[in-house]
Amino acid sequence: MADRNPPPTDVLESIERTAVELAQVAGAEIVTALGGMMAVKYKSGSAEDEQWKDPVSEVDNHVETLIRARLAERFPDHEIIGEEMDERGGRGSDFVWAVDPIDGTANFVNGFPMFAATIGVLHAGKPVAGAVWCATSHALRSGVYHAREGSALQFDGQPVAIASNPAVRRRLAGVPNAQGLVGAWDARKTGSAAIECALVASGALSVARFANVNLWDIAGGVALVLASGGAVQCFEDGVWAPLERFNTTEAAPDLRNWRRPLIVGRTDAVADMVKLAA
């Protein structure tokens, strides 16, 4: 994807404010619905070992509908790629909003409080803003992590101070599974890529690796990690390399089909995890 001039600061500020507002709206809807008898469907196939995987709740659809309606008012020319709906108004725009109304739906429908609503904004494929409402956080409460290109990571409008206790000799790594994980990490698996990116950005996790992650799951979280000074590596064409932008390929010419292995975290931790994943 060709380079473009970066968006003006006032445009990015407006985009970030809208992303935060939408993440807050999503979070409020999720909290209201939590614990209720919501309708749940499954995307999985008919094979026995695949049944009852990839749930989608009525709340997923409701939240994405709300987000799309507000974006149509604020940024009608921007493209939207959401997990639950195929509508593509604004297709071809330099700006793409990647939306997952609930990342970690299996956790959500079971009442396990590790889920998020994530919104990422790309400009010519480059992550320029992100807002992720998380059911839990470094502050031990729900709230929105957010950032834009050129700004620092914030949580509900306040800067996030990241401190690493030198007395802690084994840090935490989010991984698809713990098999084969060695080094100075203890493994964790949350079931939400967005949550793990937010926890990496805020310092609770040193690093997180995703076997294959969709654009809408990761775009907002990548913006947070980069704003916090972290690194992002993507596996493509047989090698790990820094992720500068989400690119299409001949095999997958539509960003909606973007799906890659990814590692996010502190620069040194990412380098170590890349060695393990190679």
Protein backbone atom coordinates (compact mmCIF):
# COMPACT_ATOMS: atom_id res chain seq x y z
CA MET A 1 0.00 0.00 0.00
CA ALA A 2 1.48 3.35 -1.04
CA ASP A 3 2.66 5.93 1.49
CA ARG A 4 0.37 8.90 2.17
CA ASN A 5 0.93 12.19 3.94
CA PRO A 6 0.10 11.72 7.62
CA PRO A 7 -3.28 13.05 8.78
CA PRO A 8 -3.24 16.51 10.44
CA THR A 9 -3.09 16.55 14.23
CA ASP A 10 -6.58 18.00 14.60
CA VAL A 11 -8.01 15.20 12.46
CA LEU A 12 -6.25 12.56 14.57
CA GLU A 13 -7.49 14.21 17.77
CA SER A 14 -11.06 14.13 16.45
CA ILE A 15 -10.68 10.49 15.43
CA GLU A 16 -9.29 9.52 18.83
CA ARG A 17 -12.12 11.32 20.66
CA THR A 18 -14.69 9.51 18.54
CA ALA A 19 -12.97 6.15 19.03
CA VAL A 20 -12.96 6.66 22.81
CA GLU A 21 -16.63 7.66 22.79
CA LEU A 22 -17.58 4.59 20.76
CA ALA A 23 -15.55 2.30 23.03
CA GLN A 24 -17.33 3.79 26.06
CA VAL A 25 -20.72 3.25 24.43
CA ALA A 26 -19.77 -0.35 23.66
CA GLY A 27 -18.60 -0.91 27.21
CA ALA A 28 -21.84 0.47 28.68
CA GLU A 29 -23.91 -1.83 26.46
CA ILE A 30 -21.78 -4.82 27.40
CA VAL A 31 -22.05 -4.12 31.13
CA THR A 32 -25.83 -3.71 30.86
CA ALA A 33 -26.19 -7.04 29.07
CA LEU A 34 -23.76 -9.02 31.23
CA GLY A 35 -25.51 -11.76 33.16
CA GLY A 36 -28.74 -11.54 31.18
CA MET A 37 -30.33 -14.31 29.13
CA MET A 38 -29.01 -13.11 25.77
CA ALA A 39 -29.36 -14.98 22.49
CA VAL A 40 -26.16 -16.76 21.41
CA LYS A 41 -25.32 -18.32 18.04
CA TYR A 42 -22.20 -20.16 16.85
CA LYS A 43 -20.16 -19.64 13.69
CA SER A 44 -18.49 -23.06 13.84
CA GLY A 45 -19.08 -25.89 11.39
CA SER A 46 -20.82 -29.19 11.86
CA ALA A 47 -17.75 -31.32 12.66
CA GLU A 48 -17.99 -32.64 16.19
CA ASP A 49 -14.68 -31.14 17.32
CA GLU A 50 -15.64 -27.76 15.84
CA GLN A 51 -19.16 -27.51 17.22
CA TRP A 52 -20.03 -24.73 19.64
CA LYS A 53 -16.95 -22.65 18.85
CA ASP A 54 -16.80 -18.97 17.87
CA PRO A 55 -19.95 -17.77 19.63
CA VAL A 56 -21.61 -14.50 18.65
CA SER A 57 -24.18 -12.89 20.94
CA GLU A 58 -27.00 -10.51 20.16
CA VAL A 59 -24.92 -7.91 22.02
CA ASP A 60 -22.09 -8.22 19.45
CA ASN A 61 -24.50 -7.33 16.66
CA HIS A 62 -26.22 -4.57 18.64
CA VAL A 63 -22.94 -2.88 19.59
CA GLU A 64 -21.53 -3.04 16.07
CA THR A 65 -24.77 -1.55 14.72
CA LEU A 66 -24.46 1.37 17.17
CA ILE A 67 -20.83 1.97 16.26
CA ARG A 68 -21.52 1.89 12.54
CA ALA A 69 -24.42 4.35 12.89
CA ARG A 70 -22.29 6.88 14.78
CA LEU A 71 -19.39 6.57 12.38
CA ALA A 72 -21.76 7.12 9.46
CA GLU A 73 -22.67 10.46 11.07
CA ARG A 74 -19.16 11.56 12.05
CA PHE A 75 -17.00 10.16 9.25
CA PRO A 76 -19.31 9.11 6.42
CA ASP A 77 -16.45 8.77 3.92
CA HIS A 78 -14.39 6.42 6.08
CA GLU A 79 -14.41 2.68 5.55
CA ILE A 80 -15.52 0.32 8.33
CA ILE A 81 -14.42 -3.30 8.68
CA GLY A 82 -16.31 -5.02 11.48
CA GLU A 83 -16.24 -8.61 12.61
CA GLU A 84 -19.97 -9.23 12.56
CA MET A 85 -21.19 -7.33 9.48
CA ASP A 86 -20.04 -7.21 5.87
CA GLU A 87 -21.28 -3.69 5.10
CA ARG A 88 -18.45 -1.61 3.61
CA GLY A 89 -19.52 1.99 3.26
CA GLY A 90 -16.62 4.25 2.32
CA ARG A 91 -14.68 1.44 0.71
CA GLY A 92 -11.48 2.72 -0.86
CA SER A 93 -10.96 5.48 1.73
CA ASP A 94 -7.47 5.98 3.17
CA PHE A 95 -9.13 5.75 6.60
CA VAL A 96 -10.32 2.35 7.79
CA TRP A 97 -12.01 1.70 11.14
CA ALA A 98 -11.48 -1.89 12.30
CA VAL A 99 -14.11 -2.82 14.87
CA ASP A 100 -14.68 -5.83 17.10
CA PRO A 101 -17.73 -5.12 19.29
CA ILE A 102 -16.76 -7.87 21.74
CA ASP A 103 -13.36 -9.52 21.57
CA GLY A 104 -13.52 -12.53 23.83
CA THR A 105 -17.19 -13.36 23.26
CA ALA A 106 -16.77 -16.88 24.69
CA ASN A 107 -15.57 -15.27 27.92
CA PHE A 108 -18.42 -12.75 27.81
CA VAL A 109 -21.27 -15.24 27.36
CA ASN A 110 -19.84 -17.34 30.21
CA GLY A 111 -19.43 -14.35 32.53
CA PHE A 112 -15.63 -14.65 32.64
CA PRO A 113 -14.47 -11.01 32.92
CA MET A 114 -11.75 -10.98 30.27
CA PHE A 115 -13.26 -9.34 27.21
CA ALA A 116 -13.05 -6.04 25.35
CA ALA A 117 -14.60 -3.78 22.74
CA THR A 118 -11.84 -2.71 20.39
CA ILE A 119 -11.64 0.02 17.78
CA GLY A 120 -8.59 0.63 15.63
CA VAL A 121 -8.15 3.29 12.94
CA LEU A 122 -5.77 2.85 10.01
CA HIS A 123 -4.59 5.46 7.54
CA ALA A 124 -3.24 3.88 4.35
CA GLY A 125 -2.87 0.71 6.39
CA LYS A 126 -0.89 2.34 9.20
CA PRO A 127 -2.34 2.22 12.73
CA VAL A 128 -2.96 5.85 13.74
CA ALA A 129 -5.45 5.55 16.63
CA GLY A 130 -6.93 2.97 18.95
CA ALA A 131 -9.47 2.76 21.76
CA VAL A 132 -10.05 -0.45 23.67
CA TRP A 133 -12.67 -0.77 26.41
CA CYS A 134 -11.53 -3.54 28.73
CA ALA A 135 -13.59 -5.39 31.32
CA THR A 136 -10.54 -5.24 33.58
CA SER A 137 -7.31 -3.27 33.57
CA HIS A 138 -4.09 -2.40 35.39
CA ALA A 139 -6.31 -0.12 37.53
CA LEU A 140 -8.47 -3.11 38.60
CA ARG A 141 -11.58 -1.72 36.92
CA SER A 142 -13.11 -1.45 33.50
CA GLY A 143 -12.22 1.48 31.29
CA VAL A 144 -10.84 2.61 27.94
CA TYR A 145 -7.19 2.49 26.92
CA HIS A 146 -6.60 4.90 24.06
CA ALA A 147 -3.92 6.61 22.00
CA ARG A 148 -3.27 8.23 18.65
CA GLU A 149 -0.14 8.51 16.56
CA GLY A 150 2.29 10.90 18.23
CA SER A 151 0.62 10.71 21.66
CA ALA A 152 1.23 8.64 24.77
CA LEU A 153 -0.96 5.83 26.05
CA GLN A 154 -3.88 6.92 28.25
CA PHE A 155 -6.50 5.15 30.33
CA ASP A 156 -9.79 7.03 30.68
CA GLY A 157 -8.04 10.28 29.77
CA GLN A 158 -5.12 9.87 32.17
CA PRO A 159 -1.53 9.00 31.22
CA VAL A 160 -0.50 5.43 32.03
CA ALA A 161 2.70 5.29 34.07
CA ILE A 162 4.49 2.03 33.28
CA ALA A 163 6.89 0.83 35.98
CA SER A 164 8.72 -2.48 36.05
CA ASN A 165 9.67 -3.84 39.46
CA PRO A 166 13.27 -5.16 39.18
CA ALA A 167 12.54 -7.60 42.02
CA VAL A 168 10.12 -9.51 39.74
CA ARG A 169 12.38 -11.95 37.91
CA ARG A 170 9.72 -13.83 35.95
CA ARG A 171 7.31 -11.71 33.92
CA LEU A 172 4.11 -12.76 32.17
CA ALA A 173 3.67 -13.68 28.50
CA GLY A 174 0.37 -14.09 26.72
CA VAL A 175 0.60 -17.11 24.42
CA PRO A 176 -1.77 -19.31 22.38
CA ASN A 177 -0.59 -22.26 24.50
CA ALA A 178 2.18 -22.79 27.02
CA GLN A 179 3.84 -25.73 25.28
CA GLY A 180 7.41 -24.97 24.37
CA LEU A 181 7.50 -21.64 26.21
CA VAL A 182 10.88 -21.21 27.87
CA GLY A 183 12.76 -18.30 29.33
CA ALA A 184 11.98 -15.84 32.10
CA TRP A 185 8.22 -15.84 31.57
CA ASP A 186 5.14 -17.41 33.07
CA ALA A 187 2.47 -18.17 30.46
CA ARG A 188 -1.03 -16.71 30.42
CA LYS A 189 -3.93 -17.14 27.99
CA THR A 190 -6.84 -14.73 28.33
CA GLY A 191 -8.95 -15.55 25.27
CA SER A 192 -8.90 -11.93 24.06
CA ALA A 193 -6.20 -10.49 21.81
CA ALA A 194 -7.43 -6.96 22.52
CA ILE A 195 -7.16 -7.44 26.30
CA GLU A 196 -3.66 -8.86 25.92
CA CYS A 197 -2.53 -5.91 23.78
CA ALA A 198 -3.91 -3.50 26.37
CA LEU A 199 -2.17 -5.37 29.19
CA VAL A 200 1.08 -5.35 27.22
CA ALA A 201 0.74 -1.61 26.61
CA SER A 202 0.08 -0.94 30.31
CA GLY A 203 2.96 -3.18 31.45
CA ALA A 204 1.04 -6.06 33.05
CA LEU A 205 2.25 -8.44 30.32
CA SER A 206 5.78 -8.27 28.93
CA VAL A 207 4.85 -9.80 25.61
CA ALA A 208 1.99 -11.54 23.81
CA ARG A 209 2.05 -13.86 20.82
CA PHE A 210 -0.93 -14.65 18.59
CA ALA A 211 -0.95 -17.69 16.29
CA ASN A 212 -3.26 -16.08 13.71
CA VAL A 213 -5.16 -12.93 14.52
CA ASN A 214 -7.75 -10.96 12.55
CA LEU A 215 -7.47 -7.28 11.72
CA TRP A 216 -10.44 -6.25 13.89
CA ASP A 217 -9.04 -8.11 16.91
CA ILE A 218 -5.66 -6.42 16.81
CA ALA A 219 -5.74 -3.03 15.05
CA GLY A 220 -6.75 -1.02 18.12
CA GLY A 221 -4.38 -2.91 20.40
CA VAL A 222 -1.41 -2.43 18.07
CA ALA A 223 -1.95 1.35 18.25
CA LEU A 224 -1.85 1.13 22.06
CA VAL A 225 1.34 -0.95 22.12
CA LEU A 226 3.13 1.41 19.75
CA ALA A 227 2.02 4.45 21.78
CA SER A 228 3.47 2.86 24.92
CA GLY A 229 6.86 2.45 23.23
CA GLY A 230 6.47 -1.24 22.53
CA ALA A 231 7.32 -3.25 19.43
CA VAL A 232 5.15 -5.24 17.01
CA GLN A 233 6.43 -8.06 14.80
CA CYS A 234 4.39 -9.78 12.09
CA PHE A 235 5.09 -13.13 10.41
CA GLU A 236 4.78 -12.85 6.65
CA ASP A 237 6.45 -14.56 3.71
CA GLY A 238 8.27 -16.88 6.08
CA VAL A 239 9.96 -14.21 8.20
CA TRP A 240 9.27 -12.06 11.24
CA ALA A 241 9.49 -8.33 10.57
CA PRO A 242 8.34 -5.08 12.22
CA LEU A 243 4.71 -4.28 11.43
CA GLU A 244 4.56 -0.79 9.93
CA ARG A 245 1.16 -1.08 8.27
CA PHE A 246 -1.52 -3.67 7.59
CA ASN A 247 -0.95 -4.63 3.96
CA THR A 248 -3.03 -6.57 1.49
CA THR A 249 -1.47 -9.28 -0.67
CA GLU A 250 -2.19 -10.92 -3.99
CA ALA A 251 -3.64 -13.89 -2.18
CA ALA A 252 -5.68 -11.66 0.18
CA PRO A 253 -6.38 -8.35 -1.63
CA ASP A 254 -9.02 -7.29 0.91
CA LEU A 255 -8.01 -6.00 4.37
CA ARG A 256 -11.04 -7.82 5.75
CA ASN A 257 -9.14 -11.04 5.10
CA TRP A 258 -5.95 -9.88 6.87
CA ARG A 259 -4.88 -12.66 9.24
CA ARG A 260 -1.32 -13.19 10.45
CA PRO A 261 0.78 -14.42 13.38
CA LEU A 262 1.80 -11.45 15.52
CA ILE A 263 3.97 -10.65 18.53
CA VAL A 264 3.60 -7.49 20.61
CA GLY A 265 5.48 -6.35 23.69
CA ARG A 266 8.55 -4.67 25.08
CA THR A 267 11.27 -4.48 22.45
CA ASP A 268 13.59 -6.94 24.22
CA ALA A 269 10.77 -9.36 25.04
CA VAL A 270 9.51 -9.31 21.45
CA ALA A 271 13.02 -10.10 20.19
CA ASP A 272 13.23 -13.04 22.58
CA MET A 273 9.80 -14.33 21.61
CA VAL A 274 10.65 -14.08 17.90
CA LYS A 275 13.62 -16.36 18.51
CA LEU A 276 11.35 -18.92 20.18
CA ALA A 277 8.75 -18.67 17.43
CA ALA A 278 11.27 -18.97 14.57
